All heavy atoms as atom14 arrays in JSON, in Angstrom:
{
  "sequence": "FSVIEKLRPPLMNLMGSTGFNALMSRSLVLATTEIPSLRDIGLNA",
  "atom14_mask": [
    [1, 1, 1, 1, 1, 1, 1, 1, 1, 1, 1, 0, 0, 0],
    [1, 1, 1, 1, 1, 1, 0, 0, 0, 0, 0, 0, 0, 0],
    [1, 1, 1, 1, 1, 1, 1, 0, 0, 0, 0, 0, 0, 0],
    [1, 1, 1, 1, 1, 1, 1, 1, 0, 0, 0, 0, 0, 0],
    [1, 1, 1, 1, 1, 1, 1, 1, 1, 0, 0, 0, 0, 0],
    [1, 1, 1, 1, 1, 1, 1, 1, 1, 0, 0, 0, 0, 0],
    [1, 1, 1, 1, 1, 1, 1, 1, 0, 0, 0, 0, 0, 0],
    [1, 1, 1, 1, 1, 1, 1, 1, 1, 1, 1, 0, 0, 0],
    [1, 1, 1, 1, 1, 1, 1, 0, 0, 0, 0, 0, 0, 0],
    [1, 1, 1, 1, 1, 1, 1, 0, 0, 0, 0, 0, 0, 0],
    [1, 1, 1, 1, 1, 1, 1, 1, 0, 0, 0, 0, 0, 0],
    [1, 1, 1, 1, 1, 1, 1, 1, 0, 0, 0, 0, 0, 0],
    [1, 1, 1, 1, 1, 1, 1, 1, 0, 0, 0, 0, 0, 0],
    [1, 1, 1, 1, 1, 1, 1, 1, 0, 0, 0, 0, 0, 0],
    [1, 1, 1, 1, 1, 1, 1, 1, 0, 0, 0, 0, 0, 0],
    [1, 1, 1, 1, 0, 0, 0, 0, 0, 0, 0, 0, 0, 0],
    [1, 1, 1, 1, 1, 1, 0, 0, 0, 0, 0, 0, 0, 0],
    [1, 1, 1, 1, 1, 1, 1, 0, 0, 0, 0, 0, 0, 0],
    [1, 1, 1, 1, 0, 0, 0, 0, 0, 0, 0, 0, 0, 0],
    [1, 1, 1, 1, 1, 1, 1, 1, 1, 1, 1, 0, 0, 0],
    [1, 1, 1, 1, 1, 1, 1, 1, 0, 0, 0, 0, 0, 0],
    [1, 1, 1, 1, 1, 0, 0, 0, 0, 0, 0, 0, 0, 0],
    [1, 1, 1, 1, 1, 1, 1, 1, 0, 0, 0, 0, 0, 0],
    [1, 1, 1, 1, 1, 1, 1, 1, 0, 0, 0, 0, 0, 0],
    [1, 1, 1, 1, 1, 1, 0, 0, 0, 0, 0, 0, 0, 0],
    [1, 1, 1, 1, 1, 1, 1, 1, 1, 1, 1, 0, 0, 0],
    [1, 1, 1, 1, 1, 1, 0, 0, 0, 0, 0, 0, 0, 0],
    [1, 1, 1, 1, 1, 1, 1, 1, 0, 0, 0, 0, 0, 0],
    [1, 1, 1, 1, 1, 1, 1, 0, 0, 0, 0, 0, 0, 0],
    [1, 1, 1, 1, 1, 1, 1, 1, 0, 0, 0, 0, 0, 0],
    [1, 1, 1, 1, 1, 0, 0, 0, 0, 0, 0, 0, 0, 0],
    [1, 1, 1, 1, 1, 1, 1, 0, 0, 0, 0, 0, 0, 0],
    [1, 1, 1, 1, 1, 1, 1, 0, 0, 0, 0, 0, 0, 0],
    [1, 1, 1, 1, 1, 1, 1, 1, 1, 0, 0, 0, 0, 0],
    [1, 1, 1, 1, 1, 1, 1, 1, 0, 0, 0, 0, 0, 0],
    [1, 1, 1, 1, 1, 1, 1, 0, 0, 0, 0, 0, 0, 0],
    [1, 1, 1, 1, 1, 1, 0, 0, 0, 0, 0, 0, 0, 0],
    [1, 1, 1, 1, 1, 1, 1, 1, 0, 0, 0, 0, 0, 0],
    [1, 1, 1, 1, 1, 1, 1, 1, 1, 1, 1, 0, 0, 0],
    [1, 1, 1, 1, 1, 1, 1, 1, 0, 0, 0, 0, 0, 0],
    [1, 1, 1, 1, 1, 1, 1, 1, 0, 0, 0, 0, 0, 0],
    [1, 1, 1, 1, 0, 0, 0, 0, 0, 0, 0, 0, 0, 0],
    [1, 1, 1, 1, 1, 1, 1, 1, 0, 0, 0, 0, 0, 0],
    [1, 1, 1, 1, 1, 1, 1, 1, 0, 0, 0, 0, 0, 0],
    [1, 1, 1, 1, 1, 0, 0, 0, 0, 0, 0, 0, 0, 0]
  ],
  "atom14_positions": [
    [[6.71, -5.77, -6.18], [5.34, -5.66, -5.91], [4.5, -5.44, -7.07], [3.5, -4.66, -7.06], [5.1, -4.57, -4.77], [5.53, -4.89, -3.4], [6.79, -4.51, -3.01], [4.69, -5.58, -2.53], [7.26, -4.85, -1.77], [5.25, -5.99, -1.29], [6.48, -5.6, -0.9], [0.0, 0.0, 0.0], [0.0, 0.0, 0.0], [0.0, 0.0, 0.0]],
    [[4.81, -6.06, -8.15], [4.1, -6.02, -9.44], [2.65, -6.33, -9.37], [1.83, -5.71, -10.19], [4.84, -6.68, -10.55], [4.92, -8.15, -10.27], [0.0, 0.0, 0.0], [0.0, 0.0, 0.0], [0.0, 0.0, 0.0], [0.0, 0.0, 0.0], [0.0, 0.0, 0.0], [0.0, 0.0, 0.0], [0.0, 0.0, 0.0], [0.0, 0.0, 0.0]],
    [[2.25, -7.32, -8.53], [0.9, -7.63, -8.44], [0.11, -6.42, -7.81], [-0.98, -6.0, -8.39], [0.63, -8.92, -7.64], [-0.89, -9.07, -7.28], [1.21, -10.04, -8.37], [0.0, 0.0, 0.0], [0.0, 0.0, 0.0], [0.0, 0.0, 0.0], [0.0, 0.0, 0.0], [0.0, 0.0, 0.0], [0.0, 0.0, 0.0], [0.0, 0.0, 0.0]],
    [[0.67, -5.75, -6.94], [0.08, -4.62, -6.28], [0.01, -3.47, -7.23], [-0.94, -2.63, -7.42], [0.67, -4.18, -5.0], [0.46, -5.31, -3.86], [0.34, -2.85, -4.46], [1.23, -5.16, -2.59], [0.0, 0.0, 0.0], [0.0, 0.0, 0.0], [0.0, 0.0, 0.0], [0.0, 0.0, 0.0], [0.0, 0.0, 0.0], [0.0, 0.0, 0.0]],
    [[1.21, -3.39, -8.09], [1.14, -2.31, -9.13], [0.01, -2.53, -10.15], [-0.52, -1.52, -10.63], [2.46, -2.23, -9.8], [3.62, -1.75, -8.93], [3.32, -0.43, -8.29], [2.9, 0.57, -9.05], [3.59, -0.31, -7.04], [0.0, 0.0, 0.0], [0.0, 0.0, 0.0], [0.0, 0.0, 0.0], [0.0, 0.0, 0.0], [0.0, 0.0, 0.0]],
    [[-0.33, -3.76, -10.46], [-1.48, -4.03, -11.31], [-2.75, -3.64, -10.68], [-3.76, -3.21, -11.38], [-1.53, -5.51, -11.72], [-0.53, -5.92, -12.67], [-0.56, -7.37, -12.98], [0.58, -7.64, -13.99], [0.6, -9.12, -14.27], [0.0, 0.0, 0.0], [0.0, 0.0, 0.0], [0.0, 0.0, 0.0], [0.0, 0.0, 0.0], [0.0, 0.0, 0.0]],
    [[-2.85, -3.65, -9.33], [-4.1, -3.27, -8.58], [-4.14, -1.74, -8.48], [-5.18, -1.2, -8.27], [-4.02, -3.91, -7.27], [-4.39, -5.42, -7.16], [-4.09, -5.94, -5.82], [-5.84, -5.72, -7.51], [0.0, 0.0, 0.0], [0.0, 0.0, 0.0], [0.0, 0.0, 0.0], [0.0, 0.0, 0.0], [0.0, 0.0, 0.0], [0.0, 0.0, 0.0]],
    [[-3.05, -1.03, -8.6], [-3.06, 0.33, -8.34], [-4.0, 1.14, -9.24], [-4.76, 1.86, -8.66], [-1.59, 0.93, -8.55], [-1.5, 2.47, -8.41], [-0.06, 2.9, -8.8], [0.91, 2.36, -8.09], [1.32, 2.75, -6.91], [0.91, 3.88, -6.37], [2.41, 2.19, -6.31], [0.0, 0.0, 0.0], [0.0, 0.0, 0.0], [0.0, 0.0, 0.0]],
    [[-4.01, 1.04, -10.58], [-4.95, 1.84, -11.34], [-6.48, 1.7, -11.0], [-7.12, 2.63, -10.73], [-4.61, 1.49, -12.82], [-3.16, 0.91, -12.79], [-3.1, 0.19, -11.46], [0.0, 0.0, 0.0], [0.0, 0.0, 0.0], [0.0, 0.0, 0.0], [0.0, 0.0, 0.0], [0.0, 0.0, 0.0], [0.0, 0.0, 0.0], [0.0, 0.0, 0.0]],
    [[-6.92, 0.36, -10.99], [-8.32, 0.24, -10.6], [-8.58, 0.76, -9.23], [-9.66, 1.3, -8.95], [-8.64, -1.16, -10.81], [-7.38, -1.89, -10.9], [-6.36, -0.92, -11.32], [0.0, 0.0, 0.0], [0.0, 0.0, 0.0], [0.0, 0.0, 0.0], [0.0, 0.0, 0.0], [0.0, 0.0, 0.0], [0.0, 0.0, 0.0], [0.0, 0.0, 0.0]],
    [[-7.75, 0.51, -8.2], [-8.05, 0.96, -6.84], [-7.98, 2.55, -6.84], [-8.74, 3.13, -6.12], [-6.96, 0.35, -5.91], [-7.2, -1.2, -5.59], [-6.01, -1.58, -4.73], [-8.54, -1.44, -5.08], [0.0, 0.0, 0.0], [0.0, 0.0, 0.0], [0.0, 0.0, 0.0], [0.0, 0.0, 0.0], [0.0, 0.0, 0.0], [0.0, 0.0, 0.0]],
    [[-7.02, 3.08, -7.57], [-7.06, 4.57, -7.5], [-8.29, 5.14, -8.29], [-8.92, 6.21, -7.79], [-5.76, 5.1, -8.15], [-4.52, 4.85, -7.37], [-3.04, 5.57, -8.16], [-2.74, 6.98, -7.12], [0.0, 0.0, 0.0], [0.0, 0.0, 0.0], [0.0, 0.0, 0.0], [0.0, 0.0, 0.0], [0.0, 0.0, 0.0], [0.0, 0.0, 0.0]],
    [[-8.77, 4.48, -9.17], [-10.1, 4.9, -9.77], [-11.25, 4.72, -8.83], [-12.14, 5.53, -8.87], [-10.41, 4.12, -11.12], [-9.49, 4.51, -12.25], [-9.06, 5.57, -12.37], [-9.43, 3.62, -13.13], [0.0, 0.0, 0.0], [0.0, 0.0, 0.0], [0.0, 0.0, 0.0], [0.0, 0.0, 0.0], [0.0, 0.0, 0.0], [0.0, 0.0, 0.0]],
    [[-11.15, 3.74, -8.01], [-12.31, 3.3, -7.04], [-12.18, 4.34, -5.85], [-13.18, 4.92, -5.41], [-12.12, 1.94, -6.57], [-13.09, 1.49, -5.6], [-14.44, 1.33, -6.26], [-12.64, 0.02, -4.99], [0.0, 0.0, 0.0], [0.0, 0.0, 0.0], [0.0, 0.0, 0.0], [0.0, 0.0, 0.0], [0.0, 0.0, 0.0], [0.0, 0.0, 0.0]],
    [[-11.04, 4.63, -5.33], [-10.87, 5.37, -3.98], [-9.94, 6.61, -4.19], [-9.79, 7.14, -3.09], [-10.57, 4.39, -2.97], [-9.21, 3.74, -3.16], [-8.83, 2.43, -1.88], [-10.21, 1.36, -2.05], [0.0, 0.0, 0.0], [0.0, 0.0, 0.0], [0.0, 0.0, 0.0], [0.0, 0.0, 0.0], [0.0, 0.0, 0.0], [0.0, 0.0, 0.0]],
    [[-9.46, 6.89, -5.27], [-8.52, 7.98, -5.46], [-7.11, 7.72, -4.86], [-7.0, 6.64, -4.23], [0.0, 0.0, 0.0], [0.0, 0.0, 0.0], [0.0, 0.0, 0.0], [0.0, 0.0, 0.0], [0.0, 0.0, 0.0], [0.0, 0.0, 0.0], [0.0, 0.0, 0.0], [0.0, 0.0, 0.0], [0.0, 0.0, 0.0], [0.0, 0.0, 0.0]],
    [[-6.15, 8.6, -5.12], [-4.73, 8.36, -4.73], [-4.64, 8.32, -3.23], [-3.86, 7.56, -2.66], [-3.89, 9.29, -5.32], [-4.18, 10.66, -5.0], [0.0, 0.0, 0.0], [0.0, 0.0, 0.0], [0.0, 0.0, 0.0], [0.0, 0.0, 0.0], [0.0, 0.0, 0.0], [0.0, 0.0, 0.0], [0.0, 0.0, 0.0], [0.0, 0.0, 0.0]],
    [[-5.37, 9.25, -2.54], [-5.3, 9.28, -1.07], [-5.84, 8.05, -0.49], [-5.19, 7.46, 0.48], [-6.0, 10.55, -0.59], [-5.52, 11.67, -1.21], [-6.06, 10.67, 0.94], [0.0, 0.0, 0.0], [0.0, 0.0, 0.0], [0.0, 0.0, 0.0], [0.0, 0.0, 0.0], [0.0, 0.0, 0.0], [0.0, 0.0, 0.0], [0.0, 0.0, 0.0]],
    [[-6.98, 7.54, -1.03], [-7.51, 6.31, -0.49], [-6.52, 5.17, -0.76], [-6.46, 4.13, 0.07], [0.0, 0.0, 0.0], [0.0, 0.0, 0.0], [0.0, 0.0, 0.0], [0.0, 0.0, 0.0], [0.0, 0.0, 0.0], [0.0, 0.0, 0.0], [0.0, 0.0, 0.0], [0.0, 0.0, 0.0], [0.0, 0.0, 0.0], [0.0, 0.0, 0.0]],
    [[-5.96, 5.06, -2.0], [-5.12, 3.98, -2.23], [-3.9, 3.93, -1.36], [-3.5, 3.04, -0.76], [-4.62, 4.02, -3.79], [-3.58, 3.05, -4.03], [-3.9, 1.78, -4.28], [-2.2, 3.4, -4.04], [-2.85, 0.79, -4.57], [-1.19, 2.57, -4.45], [-1.57, 1.2, -4.6], [0.0, 0.0, 0.0], [0.0, 0.0, 0.0], [0.0, 0.0, 0.0]],
    [[-3.36, 5.26, -1.16], [-2.14, 5.36, -0.22], [-2.49, 4.96, 1.22], [-1.7, 4.27, 1.79], [-1.62, 6.69, -0.26], [-0.86, 6.98, -1.65], [-0.6, 6.18, -2.39], [-0.48, 8.27, -1.74], [0.0, 0.0, 0.0], [0.0, 0.0, 0.0], [0.0, 0.0, 0.0], [0.0, 0.0, 0.0], [0.0, 0.0, 0.0], [0.0, 0.0, 0.0]],
    [[-3.71, 5.33, 1.6], [-4.14, 4.94, 2.99], [-4.3, 3.43, 3.1], [-3.92, 2.76, 4.04], [-5.46, 5.68, 3.32], [0.0, 0.0, 0.0], [0.0, 0.0, 0.0], [0.0, 0.0, 0.0], [0.0, 0.0, 0.0], [0.0, 0.0, 0.0], [0.0, 0.0, 0.0], [0.0, 0.0, 0.0], [0.0, 0.0, 0.0], [0.0, 0.0, 0.0]],
    [[-4.9, 2.85, 2.06], [-5.09, 1.39, 2.1], [-3.74, 0.59, 2.08], [-3.49, -0.23, 2.88], [-5.96, 0.9, 0.87], [-6.49, -0.47, 0.85], [-7.53, -0.62, 1.97], [-7.05, -0.71, -0.51], [0.0, 0.0, 0.0], [0.0, 0.0, 0.0], [0.0, 0.0, 0.0], [0.0, 0.0, 0.0], [0.0, 0.0, 0.0], [0.0, 0.0, 0.0]],
    [[-2.84, 1.07, 1.2], [-1.46, 0.56, 1.19], [-0.63, 0.66, 2.51], [-0.08, -0.27, 2.95], [-0.69, 0.96, -0.03], [-1.0, 0.46, -1.31], [-1.0, -1.37, -1.32], [0.55, -1.86, -0.57], [0.0, 0.0, 0.0], [0.0, 0.0, 0.0], [0.0, 0.0, 0.0], [0.0, 0.0, 0.0], [0.0, 0.0, 0.0], [0.0, 0.0, 0.0]],
    [[-0.84, 1.88, 3.07], [-0.09, 2.13, 4.25], [-0.64, 1.3, 5.38], [0.16, 0.65, 6.26], [-0.27, 3.7, 4.7], [0.31, 4.52, 3.73], [0.0, 0.0, 0.0], [0.0, 0.0, 0.0], [0.0, 0.0, 0.0], [0.0, 0.0, 0.0], [0.0, 0.0, 0.0], [0.0, 0.0, 0.0], [0.0, 0.0, 0.0], [0.0, 0.0, 0.0]],
    [[-2.01, 1.03, 5.51], [-2.52, 0.19, 6.54], [-2.02, -1.24, 6.31], [-1.72, -1.97, 7.21], [-4.04, 0.28, 6.48], [-4.64, -0.52, 7.56], [-4.37, -0.05, 8.99], [-4.99, -0.94, 9.96], [-4.5, -1.12, 11.16], [-3.32, -0.55, 11.52], [-5.05, -1.95, 12.0], [0.0, 0.0, 0.0], [0.0, 0.0, 0.0], [0.0, 0.0, 0.0]],
    [[-2.02, -1.68, 4.97], [-1.58, -3.03, 4.66], [-0.21, -3.19, 5.08], [0.3, -4.34, 5.81], [-1.66, -3.25, 3.19], [-2.94, -3.18, 2.7], [0.0, 0.0, 0.0], [0.0, 0.0, 0.0], [0.0, 0.0, 0.0], [0.0, 0.0, 0.0], [0.0, 0.0, 0.0], [0.0, 0.0, 0.0], [0.0, 0.0, 0.0], [0.0, 0.0, 0.0]],
    [[0.72, -2.13, 4.93], [2.07, -2.3, 5.39], [2.16, -2.35, 6.88], [2.97, -3.1, 7.49], [2.87, -1.07, 4.83], [3.31, -1.2, 3.46], [3.9, 0.1, 2.97], [4.39, -2.33, 3.2], [0.0, 0.0, 0.0], [0.0, 0.0, 0.0], [0.0, 0.0, 0.0], [0.0, 0.0, 0.0], [0.0, 0.0, 0.0], [0.0, 0.0, 0.0]],
    [[1.41, -1.58, 7.67], [1.42, -1.58, 9.07], [0.99, -2.96, 9.63], [1.69, -3.44, 10.51], [0.51, -0.42, 9.67], [0.21, -0.67, 11.06], [1.08, 0.86, 9.41], [0.0, 0.0, 0.0], [0.0, 0.0, 0.0], [0.0, 0.0, 0.0], [0.0, 0.0, 0.0], [0.0, 0.0, 0.0], [0.0, 0.0, 0.0], [0.0, 0.0, 0.0]],
    [[0.04, -3.51, 9.06], [-0.41, -4.85, 9.53], [0.56, -5.9, 9.16], [0.89, -6.71, 9.92], [-1.86, -5.21, 8.84], [-2.98, -4.42, 9.2], [-4.2, -4.7, 8.33], [-3.37, -4.73, 10.68], [0.0, 0.0, 0.0], [0.0, 0.0, 0.0], [0.0, 0.0, 0.0], [0.0, 0.0, 0.0], [0.0, 0.0, 0.0], [0.0, 0.0, 0.0]],
    [[1.19, -5.79, 7.98], [2.27, -6.79, 7.48], [3.42, -6.61, 8.34], [4.2, -7.63, 8.6], [2.51, -6.56, 6.01], [0.0, 0.0, 0.0], [0.0, 0.0, 0.0], [0.0, 0.0, 0.0], [0.0, 0.0, 0.0], [0.0, 0.0, 0.0], [0.0, 0.0, 0.0], [0.0, 0.0, 0.0], [0.0, 0.0, 0.0], [0.0, 0.0, 0.0]],
    [[3.83, -5.51, 8.88], [4.96, -5.19, 9.7], [4.84, -6.0, 10.99], [5.95, -6.37, 11.59], [5.16, -3.69, 10.05], [5.39, -3.03, 8.67], [6.3, -3.45, 10.78], [0.0, 0.0, 0.0], [0.0, 0.0, 0.0], [0.0, 0.0, 0.0], [0.0, 0.0, 0.0], [0.0, 0.0, 0.0], [0.0, 0.0, 0.0], [0.0, 0.0, 0.0]],
    [[3.7, -6.3, 11.51], [3.59, -7.12, 12.84], [4.1, -8.47, 12.53], [4.57, -9.04, 13.46], [2.14, -7.13, 13.41], [1.28, -7.83, 12.32], [1.58, -5.71, 13.61], [0.0, 0.0, 0.0], [0.0, 0.0, 0.0], [0.0, 0.0, 0.0], [0.0, 0.0, 0.0], [0.0, 0.0, 0.0], [0.0, 0.0, 0.0], [0.0, 0.0, 0.0]],
    [[4.03, -8.96, 11.28], [4.65, -10.31, 11.04], [6.03, -10.21, 10.47], [6.87, -11.16, 10.74], [3.66, -10.99, 10.02], [2.28, -11.16, 10.47], [1.34, -11.64, 9.42], [1.63, -12.63, 8.77], [0.34, -11.03, 9.15], [0.0, 0.0, 0.0], [0.0, 0.0, 0.0], [0.0, 0.0, 0.0], [0.0, 0.0, 0.0], [0.0, 0.0, 0.0]],
    [[6.29, -9.25, 9.76], [7.7, -9.12, 9.12], [8.27, -7.75, 9.51], [7.89, -6.73, 8.66], [7.65, -9.41, 7.61], [7.08, -10.85, 7.4], [9.01, -9.23, 7.1], [6.87, -11.14, 6.04], [0.0, 0.0, 0.0], [0.0, 0.0, 0.0], [0.0, 0.0, 0.0], [0.0, 0.0, 0.0], [0.0, 0.0, 0.0], [0.0, 0.0, 0.0]],
    [[8.83, -7.58, 10.55], [9.32, -6.22, 11.03], [10.16, -5.45, 10.02], [10.06, -4.24, 10.07], [10.15, -6.49, 12.36], [9.55, -7.8, 12.79], [9.15, -8.65, 11.62], [0.0, 0.0, 0.0], [0.0, 0.0, 0.0], [0.0, 0.0, 0.0], [0.0, 0.0, 0.0], [0.0, 0.0, 0.0], [0.0, 0.0, 0.0], [0.0, 0.0, 0.0]],
    [[10.96, -6.14, 9.26], [11.69, -5.45, 8.2], [10.95, -4.49, 7.22], [11.4, -3.61, 6.66], [12.59, -6.45, 7.38], [13.28, -7.23, 8.24], [0.0, 0.0, 0.0], [0.0, 0.0, 0.0], [0.0, 0.0, 0.0], [0.0, 0.0, 0.0], [0.0, 0.0, 0.0], [0.0, 0.0, 0.0], [0.0, 0.0, 0.0], [0.0, 0.0, 0.0]],
    [[9.63, -4.85, 7.19], [8.8, -4.04, 6.25], [8.66, -2.67, 6.69], [8.16, -1.7, 5.89], [7.48, -4.69, 6.11], [7.29, -5.97, 5.26], [6.05, -6.63, 5.37], [7.58, -5.53, 3.79], [0.0, 0.0, 0.0], [0.0, 0.0, 0.0], [0.0, 0.0, 0.0], [0.0, 0.0, 0.0], [0.0, 0.0, 0.0], [0.0, 0.0, 0.0]],
    [[8.88, -2.28, 7.92], [8.85, -0.96, 8.45], [9.92, 0.03, 7.64], [9.74, 1.16, 7.76], [9.04, -0.85, 9.97], [10.42, -0.88, 10.5], [10.56, -0.66, 12.02], [9.55, -1.44, 12.73], [9.89, -2.62, 13.35], [11.13, -3.06, 13.25], [8.99, -3.27, 13.98], [0.0, 0.0, 0.0], [0.0, 0.0, 0.0], [0.0, 0.0, 0.0]],
    [[10.82, -0.64, 6.99], [11.82, 0.22, 6.27], [11.28, 0.59, 4.86], [12.02, 1.24, 4.18], [13.07, -0.58, 6.17], [13.71, -0.9, 7.55], [13.48, -0.16, 8.39], [14.46, -1.92, 7.52], [0.0, 0.0, 0.0], [0.0, 0.0, 0.0], [0.0, 0.0, 0.0], [0.0, 0.0, 0.0], [0.0, 0.0, 0.0], [0.0, 0.0, 0.0]],
    [[10.15, 0.15, 4.48], [9.6, 0.61, 3.09], [8.37, 1.42, 3.36], [7.82, 1.45, 4.43], [9.32, -0.57, 2.21], [8.19, -1.43, 2.72], [10.59, -1.39, 1.97], [7.68, -2.44, 1.68], [0.0, 0.0, 0.0], [0.0, 0.0, 0.0], [0.0, 0.0, 0.0], [0.0, 0.0, 0.0], [0.0, 0.0, 0.0], [0.0, 0.0, 0.0]],
    [[7.95, 2.11, 2.34], [6.75, 3.01, 2.41], [6.37, 3.44, 1.09], [6.98, 3.13, 0.02], [0.0, 0.0, 0.0], [0.0, 0.0, 0.0], [0.0, 0.0, 0.0], [0.0, 0.0, 0.0], [0.0, 0.0, 0.0], [0.0, 0.0, 0.0], [0.0, 0.0, 0.0], [0.0, 0.0, 0.0], [0.0, 0.0, 0.0], [0.0, 0.0, 0.0]],
    [[5.36, 4.28, 1.07], [4.92, 4.91, -0.07], [5.2, 6.44, 0.02], [4.9, 7.11, 1.0], [3.38, 4.74, -0.3], [2.91, 3.3, -0.47], [1.42, 3.28, -0.45], [3.44, 2.75, -1.81], [0.0, 0.0, 0.0], [0.0, 0.0, 0.0], [0.0, 0.0, 0.0], [0.0, 0.0, 0.0], [0.0, 0.0, 0.0], [0.0, 0.0, 0.0]],
    [[5.65, 6.99, -1.13], [5.78, 8.57, -1.1], [4.48, 9.16, -1.42], [3.36, 8.47, -1.65], [6.87, 8.94, -2.06], [6.64, 8.59, -3.58], [5.39, 8.42, -3.93], [7.61, 8.64, -4.26], [0.0, 0.0, 0.0], [0.0, 0.0, 0.0], [0.0, 0.0, 0.0], [0.0, 0.0, 0.0], [0.0, 0.0, 0.0], [0.0, 0.0, 0.0]],
    [[4.43, 10.55, -1.54], [3.16, 11.18, -1.71], [2.38, 10.77, -3.06], [1.23, 10.87, -3.16], [3.39, 12.7, -1.79], [0.0, 0.0, 0.0], [0.0, 0.0, 0.0], [0.0, 0.0, 0.0], [0.0, 0.0, 0.0], [0.0, 0.0, 0.0], [0.0, 0.0, 0.0], [0.0, 0.0, 0.0], [0.0, 0.0, 0.0], [0.0, 0.0, 0.0]]
  ]
}
């Protein structure tokens, strides 16, 4: 997920780490509806 890793610093500057984690978590939830295997990954604190 190196493209997302490139987005991490500016997004964390924009919305903080909590906002970034919430945005990524929501992206994963939405993506899981299409690719159920994605439920096995996540973000730590």
